[in-house]
Amino acid sequence: MMRNVRLIAAAIVMGVTSSIVMAQGFSNLRGTTPLDQEGQPPLMSRERNTSVREPRNYPEQPPTIPHAIEGYEVSLRGNKCLSCHARNRVGESQAPMISITHFADRDGQYLASVSPRRYFCTECHVPQQDVKPPVDNEFVDIDTLLSKAAPGSRR
């Protein structure tokens, strides 16, 4: 009985709070769509398609994919990425070679070809879209933080 009273009280508090927040014009990713309904999804945006490499924001960040990959097959049957980024294809394609880390197996032994655990490129590497971020981002990378450090401090 007491548990039911607590649940009802919590539901009332949540309802009143959400009503107040919505009345104040609080924006969220759902917009004005009620929680029990599906909103209209935004239109699909275009992938960036450039040869310019994006800077990395932190050490060990996988590089992003600067070009469109729509229609690329990356499956057990084939990997379209390797047609340009494989070690034996970079001379012809002028694409960056995949990192040597992609040839190491889970025991740290280097293989002659890409390790099966690094074969599915889009698990870590993602293409970029030209869109406005849905929420503000105040991320500052480590190099910017270090450059703002007090003079005379060691890096």
N, C-alpha and C. Protein backbone atom coordinates (compact mmCIF):
# COMPACT_ATOMS: atom_id res chain seq x y z
N MET A 1 0.83 -1.19 0.00
CA MET A 1 0.00 0.00 0.00
C MET A 1 0.88 1.26 0.00
N MET A 2 1.87 1.28 0.90
CA MET A 2 2.75 2.45 1.00
C MET A 2 3.55 2.64 -0.29
N ARG A 3 3.90 1.53 -0.93
CA ARG A 3 4.66 1.61 -2.18
C ARG A 3 3.82 2.27 -3.28
N ASN A 4 2.56 1.92 -3.35
CA ASN A 4 1.67 2.52 -4.34
C ASN A 4 1.52 4.02 -4.12
N VAL A 5 1.43 4.44 -2.87
CA VAL A 5 1.30 5.86 -2.55
C VAL A 5 2.55 6.60 -3.02
N ARG A 6 3.72 6.01 -2.79
CA ARG A 6 4.98 6.64 -3.22
C ARG A 6 5.04 6.74 -4.74
N LEU A 7 4.63 5.70 -5.45
CA LEU A 7 4.64 5.73 -6.91
C LEU A 7 3.70 6.81 -7.44
N ILE A 8 2.54 6.92 -6.86
CA ILE A 8 1.58 7.94 -7.30
C ILE A 8 2.13 9.33 -7.02
N ALA A 9 2.73 9.53 -5.85
CA ALA A 9 3.32 10.83 -5.50
C ALA A 9 4.44 11.18 -6.47
N ALA A 10 5.28 10.19 -6.81
CA ALA A 10 6.38 10.44 -7.74
C ALA A 10 5.84 10.80 -9.12
N ALA A 11 4.80 10.13 -9.57
CA ALA A 11 4.20 10.43 -10.87
C ALA A 11 3.62 11.84 -10.89
N ILE A 12 2.99 12.26 -9.81
CA ILE A 12 2.43 13.61 -9.73
C ILE A 12 3.53 14.65 -9.79
N VAL A 13 4.60 14.43 -9.02
CA VAL A 13 5.73 15.37 -9.02
C VAL A 13 6.35 15.47 -10.41
N MET A 14 6.54 14.33 -11.07
CA MET A 14 7.13 14.34 -12.42
C MET A 14 6.21 15.06 -13.40
N GLY A 15 4.92 14.84 -13.28
CA GLY A 15 3.97 15.50 -14.18
C GLY A 15 3.96 17.00 -14.00
N VAL A 16 3.94 17.45 -12.74
CA VAL A 16 3.93 18.89 -12.46
C VAL A 16 5.24 19.51 -12.93
N THR A 17 6.35 18.85 -12.63
CA THR A 17 7.67 19.37 -13.03
C THR A 17 7.77 19.48 -14.55
N SER A 18 7.36 18.44 -15.28
CA SER A 18 7.45 18.51 -16.73
C SER A 18 6.53 19.58 -17.31
N SER A 19 5.38 19.78 -16.69
CA SER A 19 4.47 20.84 -17.16
C SER A 19 5.09 22.21 -16.97
N ILE A 20 5.74 22.41 -15.83
CA ILE A 20 6.39 23.70 -15.56
C ILE A 20 7.53 23.93 -16.54
N VAL A 21 8.33 22.90 -16.76
CA VAL A 21 9.47 23.03 -17.67
C VAL A 21 8.99 23.34 -19.08
N MET A 22 7.96 22.64 -19.55
CA MET A 22 7.43 22.88 -20.89
C MET A 22 6.80 24.26 -21.00
N ALA A 23 6.17 24.72 -19.94
CA ALA A 23 5.55 26.05 -19.95
C ALA A 23 6.60 27.15 -20.05
N GLN A 24 7.81 26.88 -19.54
CA GLN A 24 8.87 27.87 -19.58
C GLN A 24 9.60 27.87 -20.92
N GLY A 25 9.15 27.04 -21.86
CA GLY A 25 9.76 27.04 -23.19
C GLY A 25 11.04 26.24 -23.25
N PHE A 26 11.23 25.32 -22.36
CA PHE A 26 12.43 24.48 -22.37
C PHE A 26 12.45 23.67 -23.65
N SER A 27 13.56 23.73 -24.39
CA SER A 27 13.63 22.97 -25.64
C SER A 27 14.35 21.65 -25.38
N ASN A 28 13.96 20.66 -26.13
CA ASN A 28 14.60 19.36 -26.04
C ASN A 28 14.69 18.76 -27.43
N LEU A 29 15.29 17.62 -27.54
CA LEU A 29 15.48 17.01 -28.85
C LEU A 29 14.18 16.51 -29.45
N ARG A 30 13.15 16.29 -28.64
CA ARG A 30 11.86 15.84 -29.14
C ARG A 30 11.03 16.98 -29.69
N GLY A 31 11.41 18.22 -29.40
CA GLY A 31 10.60 19.36 -29.82
C GLY A 31 9.30 19.38 -29.03
N THR A 32 8.19 19.58 -29.69
CA THR A 32 6.91 19.65 -28.99
C THR A 32 6.14 18.33 -29.06
N THR A 33 6.77 17.28 -29.56
CA THR A 33 6.10 15.99 -29.69
C THR A 33 5.86 15.39 -28.31
N PRO A 34 4.63 15.01 -27.98
CA PRO A 34 4.36 14.36 -26.69
C PRO A 34 5.12 13.04 -26.57
N LEU A 35 5.38 12.63 -25.35
CA LEU A 35 6.16 11.42 -25.10
C LEU A 35 5.50 10.16 -25.63
N ASP A 36 4.19 10.14 -25.72
CA ASP A 36 3.51 8.94 -26.18
C ASP A 36 3.32 8.89 -27.69
N GLN A 37 3.98 9.79 -28.42
CA GLN A 37 3.87 9.83 -29.87
C GLN A 37 5.25 9.89 -30.52
N GLU A 38 5.30 9.45 -31.76
CA GLU A 38 6.53 9.52 -32.53
C GLU A 38 6.55 10.82 -33.31
N GLY A 39 7.64 11.55 -33.24
CA GLY A 39 7.78 12.78 -34.00
C GLY A 39 8.20 12.51 -35.43
N GLN A 40 8.13 13.52 -36.24
CA GLN A 40 8.59 13.41 -37.63
C GLN A 40 10.12 13.44 -37.63
N PRO A 41 10.78 12.43 -38.18
CA PRO A 41 12.24 12.44 -38.18
C PRO A 41 12.78 13.51 -39.11
N PRO A 42 13.96 14.06 -38.80
CA PRO A 42 14.55 15.05 -39.71
C PRO A 42 14.97 14.38 -41.02
N LEU A 43 15.06 15.16 -42.06
CA LEU A 43 15.52 14.63 -43.34
C LEU A 43 16.96 14.16 -43.22
N MET A 44 17.31 13.15 -43.99
CA MET A 44 18.68 12.66 -44.00
C MET A 44 19.59 13.75 -44.57
N SER A 45 20.72 13.96 -43.94
CA SER A 45 21.65 14.98 -44.43
C SER A 45 22.70 14.32 -45.32
N ARG A 46 23.39 15.15 -46.06
CA ARG A 46 24.43 14.64 -46.96
C ARG A 46 25.71 14.39 -46.18
N GLU A 47 26.42 13.35 -46.60
CA GLU A 47 27.73 13.09 -46.02
C GLU A 47 28.73 14.07 -46.61
N ARG A 48 29.69 14.47 -45.80
CA ARG A 48 30.77 15.28 -46.35
C ARG A 48 31.53 14.43 -47.34
N ASN A 49 32.02 15.04 -48.38
CA ASN A 49 32.78 14.31 -49.38
C ASN A 49 33.97 15.17 -49.78
N THR A 50 35.06 15.00 -49.07
CA THR A 50 36.23 15.83 -49.27
C THR A 50 37.48 14.99 -49.03
N SER A 51 38.61 15.51 -49.39
CA SER A 51 39.86 14.80 -49.10
C SER A 51 40.56 15.40 -47.89
N VAL A 52 39.94 16.40 -47.27
CA VAL A 52 40.53 17.07 -46.11
C VAL A 52 40.35 16.20 -44.88
N ARG A 53 41.44 15.94 -44.19
CA ARG A 53 41.37 15.13 -42.97
C ARG A 53 40.94 16.01 -41.80
N GLU A 54 40.02 15.51 -41.00
CA GLU A 54 39.56 16.22 -39.81
C GLU A 54 40.60 16.07 -38.70
N PRO A 55 40.82 17.13 -37.91
CA PRO A 55 41.75 16.99 -36.79
C PRO A 55 41.15 16.07 -35.72
N ARG A 56 42.02 15.40 -34.99
CA ARG A 56 41.55 14.54 -33.91
C ARG A 56 41.47 15.36 -32.64
N ASN A 57 40.51 15.05 -31.80
CA ASN A 57 40.28 15.83 -30.59
C ASN A 57 40.95 15.27 -29.35
N TYR A 58 41.36 14.02 -29.40
CA TYR A 58 42.01 13.41 -28.24
C TYR A 58 42.93 12.29 -28.72
N PRO A 59 43.94 11.95 -27.93
CA PRO A 59 44.84 10.87 -28.33
C PRO A 59 44.07 9.57 -28.52
N GLU A 60 44.48 8.80 -29.49
CA GLU A 60 43.87 7.51 -29.81
C GLU A 60 42.48 7.61 -30.42
N GLN A 61 42.01 8.81 -30.76
CA GLN A 61 40.71 8.94 -31.43
C GLN A 61 40.84 8.36 -32.83
N PRO A 62 39.95 7.47 -33.22
CA PRO A 62 40.00 6.97 -34.60
C PRO A 62 39.71 8.12 -35.57
N PRO A 63 40.43 8.20 -36.67
CA PRO A 63 40.14 9.26 -37.63
C PRO A 63 38.73 9.11 -38.20
N THR A 64 38.11 10.24 -38.50
CA THR A 64 36.80 10.18 -39.14
C THR A 64 36.99 9.94 -40.64
N ILE A 65 35.94 9.53 -41.29
CA ILE A 65 35.99 9.27 -42.73
C ILE A 65 35.59 10.56 -43.44
N PRO A 66 36.49 11.17 -44.21
CA PRO A 66 36.17 12.47 -44.81
C PRO A 66 35.33 12.39 -46.07
N HIS A 67 35.14 11.20 -46.60
CA HIS A 67 34.42 11.07 -47.88
C HIS A 67 33.15 10.24 -47.70
N ALA A 68 32.26 10.32 -48.67
CA ALA A 68 31.00 9.57 -48.63
C ALA A 68 31.29 8.07 -48.76
N ILE A 69 30.55 7.26 -48.00
CA ILE A 69 30.73 5.81 -48.08
C ILE A 69 29.41 5.10 -48.36
N GLU A 70 28.41 5.84 -48.75
CA GLU A 70 27.12 5.22 -49.05
C GLU A 70 27.30 4.18 -50.15
N GLY A 71 26.78 3.00 -49.91
CA GLY A 71 26.92 1.91 -50.88
C GLY A 71 28.17 1.08 -50.70
N TYR A 72 29.06 1.44 -49.79
CA TYR A 72 30.26 0.63 -49.54
C TYR A 72 29.86 -0.66 -48.85
N GLU A 73 30.42 -1.75 -49.29
CA GLU A 73 30.19 -3.02 -48.61
C GLU A 73 31.32 -3.25 -47.62
N VAL A 74 30.96 -3.49 -46.38
CA VAL A 74 31.91 -3.93 -45.36
C VAL A 74 31.21 -5.10 -44.67
N SER A 75 31.53 -6.30 -45.16
CA SER A 75 30.89 -7.51 -44.65
C SER A 75 31.90 -8.65 -44.67
N LEU A 76 31.45 -9.83 -44.33
CA LEU A 76 32.34 -10.99 -44.38
C LEU A 76 32.79 -11.29 -45.80
N ARG A 77 32.01 -10.89 -46.79
CA ARG A 77 32.34 -11.15 -48.19
C ARG A 77 33.35 -10.16 -48.75
N GLY A 78 33.37 -8.95 -48.22
CA GLY A 78 34.28 -7.96 -48.78
C GLY A 78 34.34 -6.69 -47.96
N ASN A 79 35.39 -5.91 -48.19
CA ASN A 79 35.57 -4.65 -47.49
C ASN A 79 36.03 -3.61 -48.51
N LYS A 80 35.12 -2.76 -48.92
CA LYS A 80 35.40 -1.74 -49.94
C LYS A 80 36.50 -0.77 -49.48
N CYS A 81 36.59 -0.52 -48.18
CA CYS A 81 37.61 0.41 -47.67
C CYS A 81 39.02 -0.04 -48.05
N LEU A 82 39.23 -1.36 -48.04
CA LEU A 82 40.56 -1.89 -48.32
C LEU A 82 40.96 -1.74 -49.78
N SER A 83 40.01 -1.42 -50.67
CA SER A 83 40.38 -1.23 -52.07
C SER A 83 41.23 0.03 -52.24
N CYS A 84 41.21 0.94 -51.28
CA CYS A 84 42.07 2.13 -51.32
C CYS A 84 43.06 2.19 -50.17
N HIS A 85 42.66 1.73 -48.99
CA HIS A 85 43.47 1.93 -47.79
C HIS A 85 44.36 0.74 -47.41
N ALA A 86 44.27 -0.36 -48.13
CA ALA A 86 45.15 -1.51 -47.86
C ALA A 86 46.59 -1.14 -48.19
N ARG A 87 47.50 -1.80 -47.54
CA ARG A 87 48.92 -1.51 -47.70
C ARG A 87 49.36 -1.58 -49.16
N ASN A 88 48.86 -2.53 -49.92
CA ASN A 88 49.30 -2.69 -51.31
C ASN A 88 48.52 -1.82 -52.29
N ARG A 89 47.59 -0.97 -51.82
CA ARG A 89 46.80 -0.13 -52.72
C ARG A 89 47.04 1.37 -52.54
N VAL A 90 47.74 1.78 -51.48
CA VAL A 90 47.88 3.22 -51.20
C VAL A 90 48.74 3.95 -52.22
N GLY A 91 49.67 3.27 -52.86
CA GLY A 91 50.48 3.91 -53.88
C GLY A 91 49.64 4.36 -55.06
N GLU A 92 48.70 3.53 -55.43
CA GLU A 92 47.81 3.83 -56.56
C GLU A 92 46.71 4.82 -56.16
N SER A 93 46.13 4.64 -54.98
CA SER A 93 44.98 5.46 -54.58
C SER A 93 45.37 6.78 -53.93
N GLN A 94 46.57 6.85 -53.38
CA GLN A 94 47.04 8.01 -52.62
C GLN A 94 46.23 8.24 -51.35
N ALA A 95 45.51 7.23 -50.90
CA ALA A 95 44.77 7.29 -49.64
C ALA A 95 45.72 6.91 -48.50
N PRO A 96 45.46 7.38 -47.28
CA PRO A 96 46.32 6.98 -46.17
C PRO A 96 46.19 5.47 -45.90
N MET A 97 47.31 4.85 -45.60
CA MET A 97 47.28 3.42 -45.28
C MET A 97 46.67 3.23 -43.89
N ILE A 98 45.97 2.14 -43.72
CA ILE A 98 45.42 1.84 -42.40
C ILE A 98 46.57 1.67 -41.42
N SER A 99 46.31 2.00 -40.18
CA SER A 99 47.33 1.96 -39.13
C SER A 99 47.89 0.56 -38.94
N ILE A 100 49.14 0.50 -38.56
CA ILE A 100 49.78 -0.79 -38.28
C ILE A 100 49.06 -1.53 -37.15
N THR A 101 48.38 -0.78 -36.29
CA THR A 101 47.63 -1.42 -35.19
C THR A 101 46.53 -2.33 -35.71
N HIS A 102 46.08 -2.11 -36.94
CA HIS A 102 45.00 -2.93 -37.51
C HIS A 102 45.49 -4.31 -37.95
N PHE A 103 46.80 -4.53 -37.89
CA PHE A 103 47.36 -5.83 -38.27
C PHE A 103 47.66 -6.70 -37.05
N ALA A 104 47.47 -6.18 -35.84
CA ALA A 104 47.77 -6.93 -34.63
C ALA A 104 46.56 -7.73 -34.18
N ASP A 105 46.80 -8.98 -33.79
CA ASP A 105 45.70 -9.78 -33.25
C ASP A 105 45.55 -9.47 -31.76
N ARG A 106 44.63 -10.13 -31.10
CA ARG A 106 44.36 -9.80 -29.69
C ARG A 106 45.51 -10.16 -28.77
N ASP A 107 46.45 -10.98 -29.24
CA ASP A 107 47.62 -11.34 -28.44
C ASP A 107 48.81 -10.43 -28.73
N GLY A 108 48.61 -9.42 -29.59
CA GLY A 108 49.69 -8.49 -29.91
C GLY A 108 50.62 -8.98 -31.01
N GLN A 109 50.28 -10.09 -31.66
CA GLN A 109 51.10 -10.62 -32.74
C GLN A 109 50.67 -9.95 -34.04
N TYR A 110 51.63 -9.50 -34.83
CA TYR A 110 51.32 -8.84 -36.09
C TYR A 110 51.12 -9.86 -37.20
N LEU A 111 50.07 -9.64 -37.97
CA LEU A 111 49.69 -10.54 -39.05
C LEU A 111 50.07 -9.94 -40.40
N ALA A 112 50.04 -10.74 -41.45
CA ALA A 112 50.37 -10.27 -42.79
C ALA A 112 49.22 -9.45 -43.39
N SER A 113 48.01 -9.66 -42.90
CA SER A 113 46.85 -8.91 -43.40
C SER A 113 46.08 -8.34 -42.22
N VAL A 114 45.05 -7.60 -42.51
CA VAL A 114 44.26 -6.94 -41.47
C VAL A 114 43.68 -7.98 -40.51
N SER A 115 43.79 -7.69 -39.23
CA SER A 115 43.26 -8.58 -38.20
C SER A 115 41.74 -8.65 -38.30
N PRO A 116 41.16 -9.82 -38.12
CA PRO A 116 39.70 -9.93 -38.17
C PRO A 116 38.99 -9.00 -37.18
N ARG A 117 39.64 -8.69 -36.06
CA ARG A 117 38.98 -7.81 -35.09
C ARG A 117 39.03 -6.34 -35.51
N ARG A 118 39.78 -6.02 -36.55
CA ARG A 118 39.86 -4.64 -37.06
C ARG A 118 39.34 -4.54 -38.49
N TYR A 119 38.67 -5.55 -38.96
CA TYR A 119 38.23 -5.63 -40.35
C TYR A 119 36.99 -4.77 -40.63
N PHE A 120 36.12 -4.58 -39.66
CA PHE A 120 34.87 -3.86 -39.86
C PHE A 120 35.08 -2.38 -39.50
N CYS A 121 35.55 -1.62 -40.46
CA CYS A 121 36.03 -0.25 -40.28
C CYS A 121 35.02 0.67 -39.60
N THR A 122 33.75 0.56 -39.97
CA THR A 122 32.76 1.51 -39.48
C THR A 122 32.31 1.24 -38.04
N GLU A 123 32.95 0.28 -37.38
CA GLU A 123 32.71 0.13 -35.95
C GLU A 123 33.40 1.27 -35.19
N CYS A 124 34.48 1.79 -35.73
CA CYS A 124 35.22 2.88 -35.08
C CYS A 124 35.26 4.15 -35.92
N HIS A 125 35.39 4.02 -37.21
CA HIS A 125 35.51 5.16 -38.11
C HIS A 125 34.14 5.52 -38.67
N VAL A 126 33.82 6.79 -38.63
CA VAL A 126 32.49 7.22 -39.07
C VAL A 126 32.59 8.38 -40.05
N PRO A 127 31.69 8.41 -41.04
CA PRO A 127 31.65 9.57 -41.93
C PRO A 127 31.03 10.75 -41.20
N GLN A 128 31.28 11.93 -41.71
CA GLN A 128 30.76 13.16 -41.10
C GLN A 128 29.63 13.73 -41.94
N GLN A 129 28.71 14.39 -41.28
CA GLN A 129 27.58 15.02 -41.94
C GLN A 129 27.70 16.53 -41.77
N ASP A 130 27.21 17.28 -42.74
CA ASP A 130 27.17 18.74 -42.62
C ASP A 130 25.83 19.12 -41.99
N VAL A 131 25.78 19.12 -40.67
CA VAL A 131 24.56 19.43 -39.94
C VAL A 131 24.88 20.32 -38.75
N LYS A 132 23.86 20.99 -38.26
CA LYS A 132 23.99 21.76 -37.04
C LYS A 132 23.83 20.78 -35.87
N PRO A 133 24.74 20.81 -34.89
CA PRO A 133 24.61 19.89 -33.77
C PRO A 133 23.27 20.09 -33.05
N PRO A 134 22.64 19.01 -32.59
CA PRO A 134 21.34 19.13 -31.93
C PRO A 134 21.42 19.82 -30.57
N VAL A 135 22.58 19.79 -29.95
CA VAL A 135 22.79 20.47 -28.67
C VAL A 135 24.11 21.23 -28.74
N ASP A 136 24.22 22.28 -27.96
CA ASP A 136 25.47 23.04 -27.93
C ASP A 136 26.59 22.18 -27.36
N ASN A 137 27.77 22.38 -27.86
CA ASN A 137 28.92 21.60 -27.43
C ASN A 137 30.04 22.56 -27.06
N GLU A 138 30.54 22.44 -25.85
CA GLU A 138 31.61 23.31 -25.38
C GLU A 138 32.92 22.52 -25.21
N PHE A 139 33.05 21.44 -25.96
CA PHE A 139 34.25 20.61 -25.87
C PHE A 139 35.49 21.41 -26.23
N VAL A 140 36.55 21.25 -25.46
CA VAL A 140 37.84 21.88 -25.73
C VAL A 140 38.88 20.77 -25.77
N ASP A 141 39.62 20.69 -26.87
CA ASP A 141 40.60 19.61 -26.97
C ASP A 141 41.81 19.88 -26.08
N ILE A 142 42.60 18.86 -25.88
CA ILE A 142 43.73 18.92 -24.94
C ILE A 142 44.78 19.94 -25.38
N ASP A 143 45.02 20.07 -26.67
CA ASP A 143 46.03 21.03 -27.14
C ASP A 143 45.63 22.46 -26.80
N THR A 144 44.35 22.77 -26.94
CA THR A 144 43.86 24.10 -26.60
C THR A 144 44.00 24.34 -25.10
N LEU A 145 43.67 23.34 -24.29
CA LEU A 145 43.81 23.47 -22.84
C LEU A 145 45.27 23.70 -22.46
N LEU A 146 46.17 22.95 -23.07
CA LEU A 146 47.59 23.11 -22.75
C LEU A 146 48.12 24.46 -23.19
N SER A 147 47.63 24.98 -24.32
CA SER A 147 48.11 26.28 -24.79
C SER A 147 47.63 27.41 -23.89
N LYS A 148 46.54 27.19 -23.16
CA LYS A 148 46.03 28.20 -22.24
C LYS A 148 46.64 28.08 -20.85
N ALA A 149 47.51 27.07 -20.67
CA ALA A 149 48.14 26.86 -19.36
C ALA A 149 48.98 28.07 -18.99
N ALA A 150 49.21 28.25 -17.72
CA ALA A 150 49.97 29.40 -17.24
C ALA A 150 51.37 29.39 -17.84
N PRO A 151 51.91 30.59 -18.17
CA PRO A 151 53.28 30.65 -18.72
C PRO A 151 54.28 30.08 -17.72
N GLY A 152 55.23 29.37 -18.27
CA GLY A 152 56.26 28.78 -17.42
C GLY A 152 55.91 27.39 -16.94
N SER A 153 54.66 26.94 -17.15
CA SER A 153 54.32 25.59 -16.71
C SER A 153 54.84 24.61 -17.74
N ARG A 154 55.14 23.42 -17.29
CA ARG A 154 55.70 22.40 -18.18
C ARG A 154 54.57 21.59 -18.77
N ARG A 155 54.76 21.15 -20.01
CA ARG A 155 53.78 20.29 -20.65
C ARG A 155 54.09 18.86 -20.39
